[in-house]
Amino acid sequence: MSYQPNTYYASRRQQNWSRNQNTTRFVSSVKLGPVAHTILVALMITVLGLIYLTQATRATGYDYESQRIDSQIAELSEEKTDLQIENARLTALETIKNSAVAREMTAPANTEFVE
């Protein structure tokens, strides 16, 4: 009984392998037909579409949050302006009361109103 190597083994022996290379090869026993390939491609496209959709939805969520923060910044800026005006008004009255001109003024002795 003589040993006859199969064609796969014979073709592998003819290749020249150098050091640090994998010398094993995986041969799948499952063969897929054109229908299975079409289904796999459709499934991959669907998964990629869902990933894209989740990313787009996440960006929209950030947009709503940034819009809310922008409106809050605008409201606080308006409130700050109002407070600055009120501060200037109150400070101006206090400055006028304590000014040298106001200290030199005298109260009138007699006031009369025309009827």
PDB file of N, CA and C in Angstrom:
ATOM      1  N   MET A   1       0.836  -1.159   0.000  1.00  0.00           N
ATOM      2  CA  MET A   1       0.000   0.000   0.000  1.00  0.00           C
ATOM      3  C   MET A   1       0.890   1.234   0.000  1.00  0.00           C
ATOM      4  N   SER A   2       0.794   1.994  -1.021  1.00  0.00           N
ATOM      5  CA  SER A   2       1.639   3.178  -1.123  1.00  0.00           C
ATOM      6  C   SER A   2       0.838   4.408  -0.704  1.00  0.00           C
ATOM      7  N   TYR A   3       1.544   5.366  -0.167  1.00  0.00           N
ATOM      8  CA  TYR A   3       0.917   6.600   0.314  1.00  0.00           C
ATOM      9  C   TYR A   3       0.887   7.607  -0.811  1.00  0.00           C
ATOM     10  N   GLN A   4      -0.314   8.109  -1.146  1.00  0.00           N
ATOM     11  CA  GLN A   4      -0.472   9.106  -2.203  1.00  0.00           C
ATOM     12  C   GLN A   4      -1.047  10.384  -1.578  1.00  0.00           C
ATOM     13  N   PRO A   5      -0.271  11.428  -1.565  1.00  0.00           N
ATOM     14  CA  PRO A   5      -0.791  12.676  -0.979  1.00  0.00           C
ATOM     15  C   PRO A   5      -1.884  13.266  -1.852  1.00  0.00           C
ATOM     16  N   ASN A   6      -2.839  13.904  -1.199  1.00  0.00           N
ATOM     17  CA  ASN A   6      -3.915  14.536  -1.981  1.00  0.00           C
ATOM     18  C   ASN A   6      -3.373  15.803  -2.651  1.00  0.00           C
ATOM     19  N   THR A   7      -4.157  16.369  -3.515  1.00  0.00           N
ATOM     20  CA  THR A   7      -3.671  17.506  -4.308  1.00  0.00           C
ATOM     21  C   THR A   7      -3.427  18.736  -3.444  1.00  0.00           C
ATOM     22  N   TYR A   8      -4.207  18.919  -2.395  1.00  0.00           N
ATOM     23  CA  TYR A   8      -4.015  20.069  -1.509  1.00  0.00           C
ATOM     24  C   TYR A   8      -2.661  19.981  -0.829  1.00  0.00           C
ATOM     25  N   TYR A   9      -2.355  18.810  -0.319  1.00  0.00           N
ATOM     26  CA  TYR A   9      -1.087  18.619   0.380  1.00  0.00           C
ATOM     27  C   TYR A   9       0.085  18.776  -0.589  1.00  0.00           C
ATOM     28  N   ALA A  10      -0.068  18.267  -1.802  1.00  0.00           N
ATOM     29  CA  ALA A  10       1.005  18.354  -2.790  1.00  0.00           C
ATOM     30  C   ALA A  10       1.236  19.805  -3.200  1.00  0.00           C
ATOM     31  N   SER A  11       0.163  20.572  -3.355  1.00  0.00           N
ATOM     32  CA  SER A  11       0.334  21.972  -3.751  1.00  0.00           C
ATOM     33  C   SER A  11       0.972  22.764  -2.615  1.00  0.00           C
ATOM     34  N   ARG A  12       0.713  22.386  -1.382  1.00  0.00           N
ATOM     35  CA  ARG A  12       1.316  23.081  -0.248  1.00  0.00           C
ATOM     36  C   ARG A  12       2.790  22.768  -0.136  1.00  0.00           C
ATOM     37  N   ARG A  13       3.163  21.583  -0.475  1.00  0.00           N
ATOM     38  CA  ARG A  13       4.577  21.214  -0.378  1.00  0.00           C
ATOM     39  C   ARG A  13       5.403  21.917  -1.430  1.00  0.00           C
ATOM     40  N   GLN A  14       4.775  22.298  -2.520  1.00  0.00           N
ATOM     41  CA  GLN A  14       5.523  22.944  -3.588  1.00  0.00           C
ATOM     42  C   GLN A  14       5.796  24.419  -3.280  1.00  0.00           C
ATOM     43  N   GLN A  15       5.035  25.007  -2.366  1.00  0.00           N
ATOM     44  CA  GLN A  15       5.251  26.404  -2.017  1.00  0.00           C
ATOM     45  C   GLN A  15       6.489  26.527  -1.147  1.00  0.00           C
ATOM     46  N   ASN A  16       7.171  27.615  -1.313  1.00  0.00           N
ATOM     47  CA  ASN A  16       8.335  27.886  -0.481  1.00  0.00           C
ATOM     48  C   ASN A  16       7.914  28.775   0.673  1.00  0.00           C
ATOM     49  N   TRP A  17       8.013  28.261   1.867  1.00  0.00           N
ATOM     50  CA  TRP A  17       7.639  29.022   3.052  1.00  0.00           C
ATOM     51  C   TRP A  17       8.908  29.529   3.716  1.00  0.00           C
ATOM     52  N   SER A  18       8.895  30.788   4.058  1.00  0.00           N
ATOM     53  CA  SER A  18      10.024  31.329   4.801  1.00  0.00           C
ATOM     54  C   SER A  18       9.673  31.348   6.282  1.00  0.00           C
ATOM     55  N   ARG A  19      10.611  31.760   7.086  1.00  0.00           N
ATOM     56  CA  ARG A  19      10.380  31.744   8.526  1.00  0.00           C
ATOM     57  C   ARG A  19       9.326  32.768   8.924  1.00  0.00           C
ATOM     58  N   ASN A  20       8.685  32.527  10.061  1.00  0.00           N
ATOM     59  CA  ASN A  20       7.687  33.415  10.664  1.00  0.00           C
ATOM     60  C   ASN A  20       6.466  33.631   9.780  1.00  0.00           C
ATOM     61  N   GLN A  21       6.085  32.649   9.027  1.00  0.00           N
ATOM     62  CA  GLN A  21       4.847  32.713   8.256  1.00  0.00           C
ATOM     63  C   GLN A  21       3.937  31.592   8.723  1.00  0.00           C
ATOM     64  N   ASN A  22       2.649  31.870   8.698  1.00  0.00           N
ATOM     65  CA  ASN A  22       1.686  30.830   9.031  1.00  0.00           C
ATOM     66  C   ASN A  22       1.686  29.797   7.911  1.00  0.00           C
ATOM     67  N   THR A  23       1.772  28.546   8.309  1.00  0.00           N
ATOM     68  CA  THR A  23       1.768  27.493   7.293  1.00  0.00           C
ATOM     69  C   THR A  23       0.465  26.710   7.320  1.00  0.00           C
ATOM     70  N   THR A  24      -0.495  27.191   8.084  1.00  0.00           N
ATOM     71  CA  THR A  24      -1.798  26.525   8.102  1.00  0.00           C
ATOM     72  C   THR A  24      -2.774  27.369   7.323  1.00  0.00           C
ATOM     73  N   ARG A  25      -3.719  26.713   6.712  1.00  0.00           N
ATOM     74  CA  ARG A  25      -4.707  27.403   5.901  1.00  0.00           C
ATOM     75  C   ARG A  25      -6.073  26.823   6.247  1.00  0.00           C
ATOM     76  N   PHE A  26      -7.048  27.723   6.446  1.00  0.00           N
ATOM     77  CA  PHE A  26      -8.395  27.283   6.769  1.00  0.00           C
ATOM     78  C   PHE A  26      -9.185  27.123   5.489  1.00  0.00           C
ATOM     79  N   VAL A  27      -9.758  25.961   5.311  1.00  0.00           N
ATOM     80  CA  VAL A  27     -10.608  25.704   4.163  1.00  0.00           C
ATOM     81  C   VAL A  27     -11.996  25.420   4.703  1.00  0.00           C
ATOM     82  N   SER A  28     -12.940  26.302   4.366  1.00  0.00           N
ATOM     83  CA  SER A  28     -14.303  26.167   4.872  1.00  0.00           C
ATOM     84  C   SER A  28     -15.020  25.055   4.120  1.00  0.00           C
ATOM     85  N   SER A  29     -15.757  24.279   4.873  1.00  0.00           N
ATOM     86  CA  SER A  29     -16.533  23.211   4.240  1.00  0.00           C
ATOM     87  C   SER A  29     -17.918  23.693   3.829  1.00  0.00           C
ATOM     88  N   VAL A  30     -18.291  24.920   4.262  1.00  0.00           N
ATOM     89  CA  VAL A  30     -19.602  25.478   3.941  1.00  0.00           C
ATOM     90  C   VAL A  30     -19.466  26.374   2.719  1.00  0.00           C
ATOM     91  N   LYS A  31     -20.229  26.094   1.723  1.00  0.00           N
ATOM     92  CA  LYS A  31     -20.241  26.917   0.513  1.00  0.00           C
ATOM     93  C   LYS A  31     -21.582  27.635   0.442  1.00  0.00           C
ATOM     94  N   LEU A  32     -21.525  28.951   0.175  1.00  0.00           N
ATOM     95  CA  LEU A  32     -22.746  29.755   0.116  1.00  0.00           C
ATOM     96  C   LEU A  32     -23.118  30.003  -1.334  1.00  0.00           C
ATOM     97  N   GLY A  33     -24.406  29.984  -1.584  1.00  0.00           N
ATOM     98  CA  GLY A  33     -24.909  30.232  -2.929  1.00  0.00           C
ATOM     99  C   GLY A  33     -25.197  31.706  -3.144  1.00  0.00           C
ATOM    100  N   PRO A  34     -25.670  32.063  -4.320  1.00  0.00           N
ATOM    101  CA  PRO A  34     -25.934  33.473  -4.632  1.00  0.00           C
ATOM    102  C   PRO A  34     -27.059  34.075  -3.787  1.00  0.00           C
ATOM    103  N   VAL A  35     -28.043  33.268  -3.408  1.00  0.00           N
ATOM    104  CA  VAL A  35     -29.146  33.776  -2.580  1.00  0.00           C
ATOM    105  C   VAL A  35     -28.625  34.114  -1.192  1.00  0.00           C
ATOM    106  N   ALA A  36     -27.797  33.247  -0.626  1.00  0.00           N
ATOM    107  CA  ALA A  36     -27.243  33.497   0.699  1.00  0.00           C
ATOM    108  C   ALA A  36     -26.339  34.728   0.672  1.00  0.00           C
ATOM    109  N   HIS A  37     -25.568  34.906  -0.381  1.00  0.00           N
ATOM    110  CA  HIS A  37     -24.723  36.089  -0.509  1.00  0.00           C
ATOM    111  C   HIS A  37     -25.575  37.352  -0.578  1.00  0.00           C
ATOM    112  N   THR A  38     -26.666  37.310  -1.335  1.00  0.00           N
ATOM    113  CA  THR A  38     -27.559  38.464  -1.456  1.00  0.00           C
ATOM    114  C   THR A  38     -28.165  38.810  -0.108  1.00  0.00           C
ATOM    115  N   ILE A  39     -28.573  37.792   0.627  1.00  0.00           N
ATOM    116  CA  ILE A  39     -29.161  38.018   1.952  1.00  0.00           C
ATOM    117  C   ILE A  39     -28.117  38.614   2.901  1.00  0.00           C
ATOM    118  N   LEU A  40     -26.897  38.103   2.852  1.00  0.00           N
ATOM    119  CA  LEU A  40     -25.843  38.641   3.721  1.00  0.00           C
ATOM    120  C   LEU A  40     -25.515  40.094   3.374  1.00  0.00           C
ATOM    121  N   VAL A  41     -25.451  40.413   2.098  1.00  0.00           N
ATOM    122  CA  VAL A  41     -25.185  41.792   1.691  1.00  0.00           C
ATOM    123  C   VAL A  41     -26.320  42.711   2.140  1.00  0.00           C
ATOM    124  N   ALA A  42     -27.560  42.265   1.959  1.00  0.00           N
ATOM    125  CA  ALA A  42     -28.708  43.069   2.401  1.00  0.00           C
ATOM    126  C   ALA A  42     -28.677  43.270   3.911  1.00  0.00           C
ATOM    127  N   LEU A  43     -28.314  42.237   4.654  1.00  0.00           N
ATOM    128  CA  LEU A  43     -28.224  42.339   6.106  1.00  0.00           C
ATOM    129  C   LEU A  43     -27.130  43.319   6.519  1.00  0.00           C
ATOM    130  N   MET A  44     -25.990  43.269   5.846  1.00  0.00           N
ATOM    131  CA  MET A  44     -24.902  44.204   6.167  1.00  0.00           C
ATOM    132  C   MET A  44     -25.312  45.649   5.860  1.00  0.00           C
ATOM    133  N   ILE A  45     -25.994  45.860   4.741  1.00  0.00           N
ATOM    134  CA  ILE A  45     -26.456  47.208   4.389  1.00  0.00           C
ATOM    135  C   ILE A  45     -27.460  47.702   5.424  1.00  0.00           C
ATOM    136  N   THR A  46     -28.350  46.822   5.882  1.00  0.00           N
ATOM    137  CA  THR A  46     -29.328  47.191   6.905  1.00  0.00           C
ATOM    138  C   THR A  46     -28.635  47.583   8.201  1.00  0.00           C
ATOM    139  N   VAL A  47     -27.653  46.813   8.617  1.00  0.00           N
ATOM    140  CA  VAL A  47     -26.930  47.120   9.858  1.00  0.00           C
ATOM    141  C   VAL A  47     -26.198  48.450   9.728  1.00  0.00           C
ATOM    142  N   LEU A  48     -25.540  48.685   8.605  1.00  0.00           N
ATOM    143  CA  LEU A  48     -24.861  49.963   8.395  1.00  0.00           C
ATOM    144  C   LEU A  48     -25.855  51.127   8.391  1.00  0.00           C
ATOM    145  N   GLY A  49     -27.031  50.911   7.818  1.00  0.00           N
ATOM    146  CA  GLY A  49     -28.066  51.946   7.828  1.00  0.00           C
ATOM    147  C   GLY A  49     -28.533  52.258   9.236  1.00  0.00           C
ATOM    148  N   LEU A  50     -28.704  51.236  10.055  1.00  0.00           N
ATOM    149  CA  LEU A  50     -29.110  51.458  11.441  1.00  0.00           C
ATOM    150  C   LEU A  50     -28.031  52.185  12.230  1.00  0.00           C
ATOM    151  N   ILE A  51     -26.798  51.844  11.983  1.00  0.00           N
ATOM    152  CA  ILE A  51     -25.697  52.549  12.670  1.00  0.00           C
ATOM    153  C   ILE A  51     -25.705  54.025  12.264  1.00  0.00           C
ATOM    154  N   TYR A  52     -25.879  54.293  10.982  1.00  0.00           N
ATOM    155  CA  TYR A  52     -25.932  55.677  10.501  1.00  0.00           C
ATOM    156  C   TYR A  52     -27.104  56.421  11.140  1.00  0.00           C
ATOM    157  N   LEU A  53     -28.249  55.762  11.222  1.00  0.00           N
ATOM    158  CA  LEU A  53     -29.434  56.383  11.808  1.00  0.00           C
ATOM    159  C   LEU A  53     -29.218  56.747  13.268  1.00  0.00           C
ATOM    160  N   THR A  54     -28.598  55.844  14.035  1.00  0.00           N
ATOM    161  CA  THR A  54     -28.362  56.147  15.448  1.00  0.00           C
ATOM    162  C   THR A  54     -27.405  57.320  15.591  1.00  0.00           C
ATOM    163  N   GLN A  55     -26.400  57.396  14.728  1.00  0.00           N
ATOM    164  CA  GLN A  55     -25.464  58.519  14.804  1.00  0.00           C
ATOM    165  C   GLN A  55     -26.159  59.831  14.428  1.00  0.00           C
ATOM    166  N   ALA A  56     -27.004  59.815  13.415  1.00  0.00           N
ATOM    167  CA  ALA A  56     -27.717  61.025  13.004  1.00  0.00           C
ATOM    168  C   ALA A  56     -28.686  61.479  14.090  1.00  0.00           C
ATOM    169  N   THR A  57     -29.354  60.533  14.746  1.00  0.00           N
ATOM    170  CA  THR A  57     -30.279  60.869  15.817  1.00  0.00           C
ATOM    171  C   THR A  57     -29.530  61.463  17.000  1.00  0.00           C
ATOM    172  N   ARG A  58     -28.365  60.927  17.304  1.00  0.00           N
ATOM    173  CA  ARG A  58     -27.566  61.450  18.402  1.00  0.00           C
ATOM    174  C   ARG A  58     -27.150  62.889  18.118  1.00  0.00           C
ATOM    175  N   ALA A  59     -26.782  63.190  16.873  1.00  0.00           N
ATOM    176  CA  ALA A  59     -26.399  64.558  16.510  1.00  0.00           C
ATOM    177  C   ALA A  59     -27.581  65.502  16.651  1.00  0.00           C
ATOM    178  N   THR A  60     -28.779  65.051  16.298  1.00  0.00           N
ATOM    179  CA  THR A  60     -29.973  65.871  16.445  1.00  0.00           C
ATOM    180  C   THR A  60     -30.248  66.153  17.919  1.00  0.00           C
ATOM    181  N   GLY A  61     -30.034  65.172  18.762  1.00  0.00           N
ATOM    182  CA  GLY A  61     -30.214  65.372  20.199  1.00  0.00           C
ATOM    183  C   GLY A  61     -29.265  66.419  20.736  1.00  0.00           C
ATOM    184  N   TYR A  62     -28.024  66.410  20.270  1.00  0.00           N
ATOM    185  CA  TYR A  62     -27.068  67.429  20.691  1.00  0.00           C
ATOM    186  C   TYR A  62     -27.501  68.800  20.186  1.00  0.00           C
ATOM    187  N   ASP A  63     -28.111  68.861  18.993  1.00  0.00           N
ATOM    188  CA  ASP A  63     -28.563  70.121  18.435  1.00  0.00           C
ATOM    189  C   ASP A  63     -29.655  70.734  19.303  1.00  0.00           C
ATOM    190  N   TYR A  64     -30.611  69.911  19.759  1.00  0.00           N
ATOM    191  CA  TYR A  64     -31.673  70.415  20.627  1.00  0.00           C
ATOM    192  C   TYR A  64     -31.097  70.926  21.937  1.00  0.00           C
ATOM    193  N   GLU A  65     -30.144  70.208  22.496  1.00  0.00           N
ATOM    194  CA  GLU A  65     -29.542  70.630  23.760  1.00  0.00           C
ATOM    195  C   GLU A  65     -28.768  71.930  23.586  1.00  0.00           C
ATOM    196  N   SER A  66     -28.024  72.061  22.493  1.00  0.00           N
ATOM    197  CA  SER A  66     -27.269  73.301  22.263  1.00  0.00           C
ATOM    198  C   SER A  66     -28.213  74.472  22.025  1.00  0.00           C
ATOM    199  N   GLN A  67     -29.338  74.228  21.372  1.00  0.00           N
ATOM    200  CA  GLN A  67     -30.319  75.291  21.151  1.00  0.00           C
ATOM    201  C   GLN A  67     -30.912  75.742  22.485  1.00  0.00           C
ATOM    202  N   ARG A  68     -31.171  74.813  23.382  1.00  0.00           N
ATOM    203  CA  ARG A  68     -31.699  75.151  24.704  1.00  0.00           C
ATOM    204  C   ARG A  68     -30.684  75.973  25.484  1.00  0.00           C
ATOM    205  N   ILE A  69     -29.423  75.582  25.413  1.00  0.00           N
ATOM    206  CA  ILE A  69     -28.373  76.308  26.129  1.00  0.00           C
ATOM    207  C   ILE A  69     -28.197  77.701  25.528  1.00  0.00           C
ATOM    208  N   ASP A  70     -28.280  77.826  24.202  1.00  0.00           N
ATOM    209  CA  ASP A  70     -28.171  79.139  23.568  1.00  0.00           C
ATOM    210  C   ASP A  70     -29.297  80.072  24.009  1.00  0.00           C
ATOM    211  N   SER A  71     -30.512  79.552  24.091  1.00  0.00           N
ATOM    212  CA  SER A  71     -31.625  80.400  24.540  1.00  0.00           C
ATOM    213  C   SER A  71     -31.448  80.797  26.006  1.00  0.00           C
ATOM    214  N   GLN A  72     -30.926  79.893  26.817  1.00  0.00           N
ATOM    215  CA  GLN A  72     -30.666  80.216  28.218  1.00  0.00           C
ATOM    216  C   GLN A  72     -29.579  81.290  28.325  1.00  0.00           C
ATOM    217  N   ILE A  73     -28.555  81.208  27.494  1.00  0.00           N
ATOM    218  CA  ILE A  73     -27.496  82.226  27.480  1.00  0.00           C
ATOM    219  C   ILE A  73     -28.071  83.581  27.078  1.00  0.00           C
ATOM    220  N   ALA A  74     -28.969  83.601  26.098  1.00  0.00           N
ATOM    221  CA  ALA A  74     -29.572  84.860  25.659  1.00  0.00           C
ATOM    222  C   ALA A  74     -30.409  85.473  26.784  1.00  0.00           C
ATOM    223  N   GLU A  75     -31.179  84.641  27.487  1.00  0.00           N
ATOM    224  CA  GLU A  75     -31.986  85.150  28.600  1.00  0.00           C
ATOM    225  C   GLU A  75     -31.108  85.712  29.709  1.00  0.00           C
ATOM    226  N   LEU A  76     -30.041  85.000  30.049  1.00  0.00           N
ATOM    227  CA  LEU A  76     -29.157  85.471  31.113  1.00  0.00           C
ATOM    228  C   LEU A  76     -28.417  86.742  30.691  1.00  0.00           C
ATOM    229  N   SER A  77     -28.073  86.860  29.427  1.00  0.00           N
ATOM    230  CA  SER A  77     -27.411  88.062  28.931  1.00  0.00           C
ATOM    231  C   SER A  77     -28.351  89.261  29.025  1.00  0.00           C
ATOM    232  N   GLU A  78     -29.614  89.066  28.686  1.00  0.00           N
ATOM    233  CA  GLU A  78     -30.605  90.140  28.789  1.00  0.00           C
ATOM    234  C   GLU A  78     -30.811  90.544  30.251  1.00  0.00           C
ATOM    235  N   GLU A  79     -30.870  89.568  31.132  1.00  0.00           N
ATOM    236  CA  GLU A  79     -31.024  89.860  32.559  1.00  0.00           C
ATOM    237  C   GLU A  79     -29.807  90.613  33.088  1.00  0.00           C
ATOM    238  N   LYS A  80     -28.617  90.237  32.628  1.00  0.00           N
ATOM    239  CA  LYS A  80     -27.391  90.930  33.041  1.00  0.00           C
ATOM    240  C   LYS A  80     -27.424  92.386  32.597  1.00  0.00           C
ATOM    241  N   THR A  81     -27.880  92.643  31.364  1.00  0.00           N
ATOM    242  CA  THR A  81     -27.977  94.013  30.861  1.00  0.00           C
ATOM    243  C   THR A  81     -28.943  94.827  31.705  1.00  0.00           C
ATOM    244  N   ASP A  82     -30.090  94.230  32.043  1.00  0.00           N
ATOM    245  CA  ASP A  82     -31.067  94.923  32.894  1.00  0.00           C
ATOM    246  C   ASP A  82     -30.470  95.247  34.260  1.00  0.00           C
ATOM    247  N   LEU A  83     -29.743  94.310  34.831  1.00  0.00           N
ATOM    248  CA  LEU A  83     -29.130  94.543  36.139  1.00  0.00           C
ATOM    249  C   LEU A  83     -28.040  95.609  36.065  1.00  0.00           C
ATOM    250  N   GLN A  84     -27.293  95.660  34.976  1.00  0.00           N
ATOM    251  CA  GLN A  84     -26.276  96.698  34.819  1.00  0.00           C
ATOM    252  C   GLN A  84     -26.919  98.085  34.739  1.00  0.00           C
ATOM    253  N   ILE A  85     -28.035  98.179  34.014  1.00  0.00           N
ATOM    254  CA  ILE A  85     -28.747  99.461  33.917  1.00  0.00           C
ATOM    255  C   ILE A  85     -29.277  99.885  35.280  1.00  0.00           C
ATOM    256  N   GLU A  86     -29.864  98.946  36.019  1.00  0.00           N
ATOM    257  CA  GLU A  86     -30.388  99.245  37.359  1.00  0.00           C
ATOM    258  C   GLU A  86     -29.255  99.661  38.291  1.00  0.00           C
ATOM    259  N   ASN A  87     -28.121  98.997  38.202  1.00  0.00           N
ATOM    260  CA  ASN A  87     -26.958  99.336  39.018  1.00  0.00           C
ATOM    261  C   ASN A  87     -26.465 100.742  38.686  1.00  0.00           C
ATOM    262  N   ALA A  88     -26.411 101.069  37.407  1.00  0.00           N
ATOM    263  CA  ALA A  88     -25.970 102.405  37.000  1.00  0.00           C
ATOM    264  C   ALA A  88     -26.932 103.472  37.507  1.00  0.00           C
ATOM    265  N   ARG A  89     -28.233 103.199  37.444  1.00  0.00           N
ATOM    266  CA  ARG A  89     -29.228 104.169  37.927  1.00  0.00           C
ATOM    267  C   ARG A  89     -29.086 104.398  39.418  1.00  0.00           C
ATOM    268  N   LEU A  90     -28.976 103.310  40.175  1.00  0.00           N
ATOM    269  CA  LEU A  90     -28.864 103.445  41.626  1.00  0.00           C
ATOM    270  C   LEU A  90     -27.538 104.091  42.024  1.00  0.00           C
ATOM    271  N   THR A  91     -26.495 103.755  41.341  1.00  0.00           N
ATOM    272  CA  THR A  91     -25.191 104.349  41.645  1.00  0.00           C
ATOM    273  C   THR A  91     -25.191 105.829  41.307  1.00  0.00           C
ATOM    274  N   ALA A  92     -25.848 106.210  40.223  1.00  0.00           N
ATOM    275  CA  ALA A  92     -25.897 107.618  39.827  1.00  0.00           C
ATOM    276  C   ALA A  92     -26.639 108.442  40.874  1.00  0.00           C
ATOM    277  N   LEU A  93     -27.756 107.964  41.403  1.00  0.00           N
ATOM    278  CA  LEU A  93     -28.491 108.694  42.432  1.00  0.00           C
ATOM    279  C   LEU A  93     -27.647 108.859  43.688  1.00  0.00           C
ATOM    280  N   GLU A  94     -26.950 107.801  44.061  1.00  0.00           N
ATOM    281  CA  GLU A  94     -26.103 107.870  45.251  1.00  0.00           C
ATOM    282  C   GLU A  94     -24.954 108.845  45.023  1.00  0.00           C
ATOM    283  N   THR A  95     -24.398 108.861  43.836  1.00  0.00           N
ATOM    284  CA  THR A  95     -23.298 109.777  43.508  1.00  0.00           C
ATOM    285  C   THR A  95     -23.779 111.221  43.535  1.00  0.00           C
ATOM    286  N   ILE A  96     -24.953 111.454  43.004  1.00  0.00           N
ATOM    287  CA  ILE A  96     -25.497 112.819  42.995  1.00  0.00           C
ATOM    288  C   ILE A  96     -25.764 113.303  44.419  1.00  0.00           C
ATOM    289  N   LYS A  97     -26.316 112.448  45.270  1.00  0.00           N
ATOM    290  CA  LYS A  97     -26.613 112.849  46.656  1.00  0.00           C
ATOM    291  C   LYS A  97     -25.335 113.189  47.416  1.00  0.00           C
ATOM    292  N   ASN A  98     -24.246 112.490  47.121  1.00  0.00           N
ATOM    293  CA  ASN A  98     -23.002 112.702  47.849  1.00  0.00           C
ATOM    294  C   ASN A  98     -22.053 113.670  47.134  1.00  0.00           C
ATOM    295  N   SER A  99     -22.482 114.273  46.036  1.00  0.00           N
ATOM    296  CA  SER A  99     -21.599 115.171  45.290  1.00  0.00           C
ATOM    297  C   SER A  99     -21.434 116.502  46.031  1.00  0.00           C
ATOM    298  N   ALA A 100     -20.399 117.244  45.666  1.00  0.00           N
ATOM    299  CA  ALA A 100     -20.120 118.539  46.302  1.00  0.00           C
ATOM    300  C   ALA A 100     -21.211 119.550  45.981  1.00  0.00           C
ATOM    301  N   VAL A 101     -21.781 119.492  44.774  1.00  0.00           N
ATOM    302  CA  VAL A 101     -22.845 120.413  44.382  1.00  0.00           C
ATOM    303  C   VAL A 101     -24.081 120.185  45.240  1.00  0.00           C
ATOM    304  N   ALA A 102     -24.417 118.936  45.478  1.00  0.00           N
ATOM    305  CA  ALA A 102     -25.604 118.626  46.274  1.00  0.00           C
ATOM    306  C   ALA A 102     -25.404 119.020  47.731  1.00  0.00           C
ATOM    307  N   ARG A 103     -24.194 118.917  48.251  1.00  0.00           N
ATOM    308  CA  ARG A 103     -23.937 119.304  49.643  1.00  0.00           C
ATOM    309  C   ARG A 103     -24.035 120.820  49.836  1.00  0.00           C
ATOM    310  N   GLU A 104     -23.732 121.587  48.812  1.00  0.00           N
ATOM    311  CA  GLU A 104     -23.786 123.047  48.929  1.00  0.00           C
ATOM    312  C   GLU A 104     -25.182 123.602  48.732  1.00  0.00           C
ATOM    313  N   MET A 105     -26.094 122.780  48.267  1.00  0.00           N
ATOM    314  CA  MET A 105     -27.466 123.258  48.062  1.00  0.00           C
ATOM    315  C   MET A 105     -28.158 123.424  49.417  1.00  0.00           C
ATOM    316  N   THR A 106     -29.062 124.377  49.476  1.00  0.00           N
ATOM    317  CA  THR A 106     -29.826 124.605  50.705  1.00  0.00           C
ATOM    318  C   THR A 106     -31.282 124.317  50.443  1.00  0.00           C
ATOM    319  N   ALA A 107     -31.986 124.016  51.491  1.00  0.00           N
ATOM    320  CA  ALA A 107     -33.413 123.759  51.361  1.00  0.00           C
ATOM    321  C   ALA A 107     -34.140 125.096  51.274  1.00  0.00           C
ATOM    322  N   PRO A 108     -35.169 125.198  50.450  1.00  0.00           N
ATOM    323  CA  PRO A 108     -35.888 126.472  50.330  1.00  0.00           C
ATOM    324  C   PRO A 108     -36.656 126.774  51.632  1.00  0.00           C
ATOM    325  N   ALA A 109     -36.734 128.032  51.981  1.00  0.00           N
ATOM    326  CA  ALA A 109     -37.438 128.431  53.201  1.00  0.00           C
ATOM    327  C   ALA A 109     -38.932 128.366  53.021  1.00  0.00           C
ATOM    328  N   ASN A 110     -39.404 128.719  51.831  1.00  0.00           N
ATOM    329  CA  ASN A 110     -40.839 128.783  51.631  1.00  0.00           C
ATOM    330  C   ASN A 110     -41.141 128.287  50.227  1.00  0.00           C
ATOM    331  N   THR A 111     -42.104 127.415  50.116  1.00  0.00           N
ATOM    332  CA  THR A 111     -42.532 126.934  48.805  1.00  0.00           C
ATOM    333  C   THR A 111     -44.015 127.195  48.654  1.00  0.00           C
ATOM    334  N   GLU A 112     -44.387 127.664  47.509  1.00  0.00           N
ATOM    335  CA  GLU A 112     -45.798 127.941  47.235  1.00  0.00           C
ATOM    336  C   GLU A 112     -46.167 127.296  45.905  1.00  0.00           C
ATOM    337  N   PHE A 113     -47.398 126.865  45.832  1.00  0.00           N
ATOM    338  CA  PHE A 113     -47.896 126.227  44.608  1.00  0.00           C
ATOM    339  C   PHE A 113     -49.022 127.080  44.015  1.00  0.00           C
ATOM    340  N   VAL A 114     -49.056 127.156  42.746  1.00  0.00           N
ATOM    341  CA  VAL A 114     -50.084 127.929  42.059  1.00  0.00           C
ATOM    342  C   VAL A 114     -51.251 127.014  41.825  1.00  0.00           C
ATOM    343  N   GLU A 115     -52.445 127.555  42.129  1.00  0.00           N
ATOM    344  CA  GLU A 115     -53.655 126.764  41.915  1.00  0.00           C
ATOM    345  C   GLU A 115     -54.449 127.252  40.763  1.00  0.00           C
TER     346      GLU A 115
END
